[in-house]
Amino acid sequence: MIKKCLFPAAGYGTRFLPATKSMPKEMLPIVNKPLIQYGVEEALEAGLSDMAIVTGRGKRAMEDHFDVNYELEHQIKGSDKETYLEGIRYIMDNCTFSYTRQVEMKGLGHAILTGETLIGDEPFAVVLADDLCLVESDVGVLSQMVKLYKQFRCSIVAIEEVPMDEVHKYGVISGEMIRDDIYQINTMVEKPSTEEAPSNLAIIGRYILTPDIFDILRNTTPGVGGEIQITDALMQQASEGCVLGYKFKGRRFDCGSVHGFVEATNHCFKSLEEQR
């Protein structure tokens, strides 16, 4: 039912300069695997096989990563190093990748709208690769959300509680609790001050969106920071119908920040060591 996953990946990654001067932040490795591969694996585990990636200048490394490197494979063929490529080979065998460029950086809403030509008129998921979501079970965050979509058939955003002194970094929601992990959203504010925040429930980088979001985004005026905000479009969707906030099961690392990136690296390294 949902087969496509959109990855907005055109940002400059300024918080990781100078490393991201010529390298996409989505290609920063958590131990031995780039961030975007974690996101693609999560989407594939949820049954999504069509990956649509919105890129920008200097982002060719992502396209190369999800392609065959004949020279490398020739060099390591027959050696034990071939096992290092098993994960990416599985992805390439089971996914299709399409790309389009966001020529101007006008916000997340604009990036999602740029991906319309790759998505078409169908529901789809959105993954922000610098939000790394890990679960202890075999059911990833997107899988949890796809299951919810099959029940409710509306747009869904992943949410988590954050400290009140950090709400200014996020889109923040409030709404009517349907069950202990689901809210029907009635208020959504982008990067509010502590005083303006309707709650401490912050939207993180996992969405399932219905295709009418594109028409709404086309008519959404720039908001906070002069950018087209997905939260503004979702607020309109919520006022006209239904948008759900889902408190997912799992742990999220903000790998767009140096602190979160190091924390995620340490966590994944420890997990790999325990598996050996």
Protein backbone atom coordinates (compact mmCIF):
# COMPACT_ATOMS: atom_id res chain seq x y z
CA MET A 1 0.00 0.00 0.00
CA ILE A 2 2.84 2.40 0.86
CA LYS A 3 5.82 1.65 -1.33
CA LYS A 4 7.72 4.93 -1.59
CA CYS A 5 9.96 6.64 0.91
CA LEU A 6 11.20 10.20 0.39
CA PHE A 7 14.57 11.30 1.74
CA PRO A 8 15.06 15.09 1.80
CA ALA A 9 18.86 15.25 1.57
CA ALA A 10 19.78 18.58 0.00
CA GLY A 11 20.87 20.44 3.16
CA TYR A 12 24.37 21.78 3.67
CA GLY A 13 25.09 20.09 7.02
CA THR A 14 26.66 23.28 8.38
CA ARG A 15 26.88 21.93 11.94
CA PHE A 16 29.52 19.46 10.72
CA LEU A 17 31.74 21.82 8.80
CA PRO A 18 34.42 21.43 7.59
CA ALA A 19 33.70 17.68 7.23
CA THR A 20 30.56 18.39 5.16
CA LYS A 21 32.18 20.97 2.89
CA SER A 22 32.42 18.37 0.11
CA MET A 23 30.74 15.37 1.76
CA PRO A 24 26.97 14.98 2.30
CA LYS A 25 26.04 14.86 5.98
CA GLU A 26 23.86 11.85 5.10
CA MET A 27 27.06 9.97 4.26
CA LEU A 28 28.63 10.52 7.68
CA PRO A 29 29.34 7.04 9.05
CA ILE A 30 27.92 5.66 12.25
CA VAL A 31 30.76 3.17 12.85
CA ASN A 32 30.98 1.61 9.34
CA LYS A 33 27.64 2.53 7.76
CA PRO A 34 26.46 5.93 6.51
CA LEU A 35 23.41 7.54 8.04
CA ILE A 36 21.32 7.31 4.90
CA GLN A 37 21.85 3.56 4.69
CA TYR A 38 20.34 3.15 8.15
CA GLY A 39 17.31 5.08 6.91
CA VAL A 40 16.97 3.01 3.73
CA GLU A 41 17.23 -0.21 5.75
CA GLU A 42 14.47 1.02 8.06
CA ALA A 43 12.25 1.82 5.08
CA LEU A 44 12.92 -1.53 3.43
CA GLU A 45 12.13 -3.36 6.66
CA ALA A 46 8.78 -1.55 6.64
CA GLY A 47 8.00 -2.88 3.17
CA LEU A 48 8.95 0.28 1.26
CA SER A 49 11.11 -0.52 -1.75
CA ASP A 50 11.05 2.68 -3.85
CA MET A 51 13.52 5.21 -2.45
CA ALA A 52 13.10 8.79 -3.68
CA ILE A 53 15.97 11.08 -2.72
CA VAL A 54 15.91 14.88 -2.98
CA THR A 55 19.52 15.96 -3.40
CA GLY A 56 21.48 19.11 -4.12
CA ARG A 57 24.87 20.22 -5.33
CA GLY A 58 27.76 18.14 -4.01
CA LYS A 59 25.58 15.14 -3.14
CA ARG A 60 26.75 12.65 -5.78
CA ALA A 61 28.31 10.41 -3.10
CA MET A 62 24.83 9.16 -2.16
CA GLU A 63 24.08 8.09 -5.72
CA ASP A 64 27.44 6.34 -5.93
CA HIS A 65 26.87 4.57 -2.60
CA PHE A 66 23.71 2.88 -3.88
CA ASP A 67 25.39 1.80 -7.12
CA VAL A 68 27.91 -0.85 -8.16
CA ASN A 69 31.60 -0.02 -7.72
CA TYR A 70 33.16 -2.39 -10.22
CA GLU A 71 36.79 -1.54 -9.38
CA LEU A 72 36.27 -2.11 -5.64
CA GLU A 73 34.33 -5.34 -6.13
CA HIS A 74 37.00 -6.66 -8.51
CA GLN A 75 39.73 -5.94 -5.96
CA ILE A 76 38.05 -7.72 -3.04
CA LYS A 77 36.36 -10.54 -5.00
CA GLY A 78 37.03 -13.90 -3.38
CA SER A 79 38.36 -12.38 -0.15
CA ASP A 80 36.73 -12.28 3.27
CA LYS A 81 36.22 -8.53 2.74
CA GLU A 82 33.31 -9.28 0.42
CA THR A 83 31.16 -9.84 3.51
CA TYR A 84 31.41 -6.11 4.25
CA LEU A 85 29.28 -5.43 1.18
CA GLU A 86 26.49 -7.90 1.93
CA GLY A 87 24.21 -5.29 3.48
CA ILE A 88 24.48 -2.75 0.67
CA ARG A 89 24.17 -5.47 -1.98
CA TYR A 90 20.92 -6.64 -0.37
CA ILE A 91 19.58 -3.08 -0.51
CA MET A 92 20.55 -2.67 -4.15
CA ASP A 93 18.91 -5.97 -5.06
CA ASN A 94 15.64 -5.12 -3.32
CA CYS A 95 15.20 -1.36 -3.82
CA THR A 96 14.95 1.11 -6.63
CA PHE A 97 16.43 4.60 -6.29
CA SER A 98 15.34 7.79 -8.00
CA TYR A 99 16.76 11.27 -7.53
CA THR A 100 15.80 14.87 -8.10
CA ARG A 101 17.52 18.12 -7.14
CA GLN A 102 16.30 20.87 -4.86
CA VAL A 103 17.81 23.89 -6.60
CA GLU A 104 17.07 26.32 -3.76
CA MET A 105 17.00 25.56 -0.03
CA LYS A 106 13.57 26.82 1.04
CA GLY A 107 12.83 24.53 3.97
CA LEU A 108 11.67 20.98 4.60
CA GLY A 109 8.22 21.65 3.15
CA HIS A 110 9.80 22.83 -0.10
CA ALA A 111 12.11 19.78 -0.18
CA ILE A 112 9.11 17.46 0.18
CA LEU A 113 7.25 19.35 -2.54
CA THR A 114 10.31 19.00 -4.79
CA GLY A 115 9.95 15.24 -4.43
CA GLU A 116 6.41 15.22 -5.83
CA THR A 117 7.59 14.17 -9.29
CA LEU A 118 9.16 11.06 -7.73
CA ILE A 119 6.18 10.21 -5.51
CA GLY A 120 3.09 10.90 -7.59
CA ASP A 121 -0.46 10.62 -6.27
CA GLU A 122 -0.03 8.08 -3.48
CA PRO A 123 0.72 8.00 0.26
CA PHE A 124 4.40 7.92 1.14
CA ALA A 125 6.86 7.97 4.00
CA VAL A 126 9.48 10.62 4.73
CA VAL A 127 12.74 9.90 6.53
CA LEU A 128 15.19 12.53 7.72
CA ALA A 129 18.39 10.53 7.77
CA ASP A 130 20.07 12.57 10.50
CA ASP A 131 17.42 11.35 12.93
CA LEU A 132 18.71 7.83 13.55
CA CYS A 133 15.99 5.63 15.08
CA LEU A 134 17.01 2.30 16.60
CA VAL A 135 14.75 -0.34 18.13
CA GLU A 136 15.40 -3.33 20.33
CA SER A 137 12.76 -5.44 18.56
CA ASP A 138 12.53 -6.36 14.88
CA VAL A 139 9.82 -3.74 14.28
CA GLY A 140 11.34 -0.44 13.19
CA VAL A 141 9.77 2.97 13.65
CA LEU A 142 8.51 3.16 10.05
CA SER A 143 7.01 -0.33 10.35
CA GLN A 144 5.12 0.82 13.42
CA MET A 145 3.82 3.86 11.53
CA VAL A 146 2.86 1.90 8.40
CA LYS A 147 0.78 -0.39 10.59
CA LEU A 148 -0.97 2.66 12.05
CA TYR A 149 -1.59 4.08 8.59
CA LYS A 150 -3.37 0.90 7.54
CA GLN A 151 -5.76 1.49 10.44
CA PHE A 152 -6.30 5.27 10.26
CA ARG A 153 -5.49 6.21 6.60
CA CYS A 154 -4.26 9.72 7.43
CA SER A 155 -0.97 11.58 7.78
CA ILE A 156 1.10 10.54 10.80
CA VAL A 157 4.12 12.19 12.42
CA ALA A 158 6.49 10.54 14.87
CA ILE A 159 6.76 12.41 18.17
CA GLU A 160 8.74 12.16 21.38
CA GLU A 161 8.97 14.10 24.61
CA VAL A 162 11.89 16.51 24.79
CA PRO A 163 13.06 18.84 27.57
CA MET A 164 11.18 22.16 27.54
CA ASP A 165 14.41 24.07 27.04
CA GLU A 166 14.84 22.27 23.69
CA VAL A 167 11.39 22.78 22.16
CA HIS A 168 12.71 25.72 20.11
CA LYS A 169 14.57 23.19 17.91
CA TYR A 170 11.46 21.30 16.78
CA GLY A 171 7.93 21.38 15.50
CA VAL A 172 5.80 20.85 18.62
CA ILE A 173 2.30 19.41 18.80
CA SER A 174 -0.60 19.08 21.18
CA GLY A 175 -3.86 17.25 20.72
CA GLU A 176 -6.42 14.81 22.00
CA MET A 177 -4.99 11.53 23.29
CA ILE A 178 -6.61 8.59 21.50
CA ARG A 179 -4.52 6.06 23.38
CA ASP A 180 -1.34 6.40 25.42
CA ASP A 181 0.87 6.57 22.31
CA ILE A 182 -1.43 8.29 19.76
CA TYR A 183 -2.64 11.90 19.64
CA GLN A 184 -5.09 13.49 17.22
CA ILE A 185 -3.28 16.76 16.58
CA ASN A 186 -5.09 20.08 16.94
CA THR A 187 -2.09 22.39 17.42
CA MET A 188 1.28 22.39 15.73
CA VAL A 189 3.92 25.12 16.13
CA GLU A 190 7.31 25.29 14.40
CA LYS A 191 10.26 26.05 16.70
CA PRO A 192 8.31 27.81 19.45
CA SER A 193 9.82 29.52 22.46
CA THR A 194 9.39 27.75 25.78
CA GLU A 195 6.51 30.10 26.61
CA GLU A 196 4.75 29.54 23.27
CA ALA A 197 5.15 25.75 23.13
CA PRO A 198 1.81 23.91 23.45
CA SER A 199 3.58 20.89 24.99
CA ASN A 200 6.95 19.15 24.99
CA LEU A 201 5.89 16.65 22.30
CA ALA A 202 8.32 17.23 19.44
CA ILE A 203 8.07 15.99 15.85
CA ILE A 204 11.09 13.96 14.76
CA GLY A 205 12.21 12.89 11.30
CA ARG A 206 9.65 10.22 10.46
CA TYR A 207 6.41 10.98 8.61
CA ILE A 208 3.73 9.22 6.66
CA LEU A 209 1.94 11.69 4.39
CA THR A 210 -1.12 11.50 2.19
CA PRO A 211 -0.65 12.90 -1.33
CA ASP A 212 -2.94 15.93 -0.81
CA ILE A 213 -0.03 17.39 1.17
CA PHE A 214 1.53 18.48 -2.14
CA ASP A 215 -1.37 20.79 -3.04
CA ILE A 216 -1.30 22.22 0.47
CA LEU A 217 2.46 22.82 0.29
CA ARG A 218 2.07 24.55 -3.07
CA ASN A 219 -0.14 27.12 -1.36
CA THR A 220 1.73 27.36 1.95
CA THR A 221 3.35 30.74 2.53
CA PRO A 222 6.85 30.87 4.04
CA GLY A 223 6.82 30.64 7.83
CA VAL A 224 9.54 30.51 10.47
CA GLY A 225 12.92 31.48 9.02
CA GLY A 226 11.29 32.49 5.73
CA GLU A 227 11.03 28.82 4.78
CA ILE A 228 8.11 26.64 3.67
CA GLN A 229 7.44 24.58 6.78
CA ILE A 230 5.94 21.10 6.65
CA THR A 231 4.39 21.79 10.07
CA ASP A 232 2.31 24.64 8.60
CA ALA A 233 1.01 22.36 5.85
CA LEU A 234 0.28 19.58 8.33
CA MET A 235 -1.58 22.04 10.58
CA GLN A 236 -3.87 22.89 7.68
CA GLN A 237 -4.34 19.18 6.98
CA ALA A 238 -5.21 18.63 10.65
CA SER A 239 -7.74 21.48 10.64
CA GLU A 240 -9.50 20.03 7.60
CA GLY A 241 -9.28 16.35 8.53
CA CYS A 242 -6.97 14.29 10.71
CA VAL A 243 -3.25 14.17 11.45
CA LEU A 244 -1.93 11.83 14.14
CA GLY A 245 1.11 12.11 16.38
CA TYR A 246 2.65 8.76 17.30
CA LYS A 247 4.96 8.20 20.28
CA PHE A 248 7.11 5.55 18.69
CA LYS A 249 8.82 2.62 20.40
CA GLY A 250 12.57 2.93 20.06
CA ARG A 251 15.43 5.32 20.63
CA ARG A 252 16.22 8.32 18.48
CA PHE A 253 19.61 9.96 18.09
CA ASP A 254 19.91 13.50 16.72
CA CYS A 255 22.83 12.88 14.40
CA GLY A 256 22.49 16.36 12.98
CA SER A 257 24.28 17.52 16.12
CA VAL A 258 27.84 16.57 17.05
CA HIS A 259 26.74 15.39 20.51
CA GLY A 260 24.01 13.13 19.11
CA PHE A 261 26.31 11.82 16.38
CA VAL A 262 28.98 10.79 18.90
CA GLU A 263 26.33 9.28 21.18
CA ALA A 264 24.92 7.23 18.30
CA THR A 265 28.40 6.09 17.24
CA ASN A 266 29.23 4.91 20.75
CA HIS A 267 25.88 3.13 21.07
CA CYS A 268 26.24 1.31 17.73
CA PHE A 269 29.88 0.42 18.38
CA LYS A 270 28.92 -1.12 21.72
CA SER A 271 26.12 -3.10 20.05
CA LEU A 272 28.49 -4.42 17.37
CA GLU A 273 31.03 -5.46 19.99
CA GLU A 274 28.34 -7.32 21.95
CA GLN A 275 27.32 -9.24 18.81
CA ARG A 276 30.85 -10.55 18.23
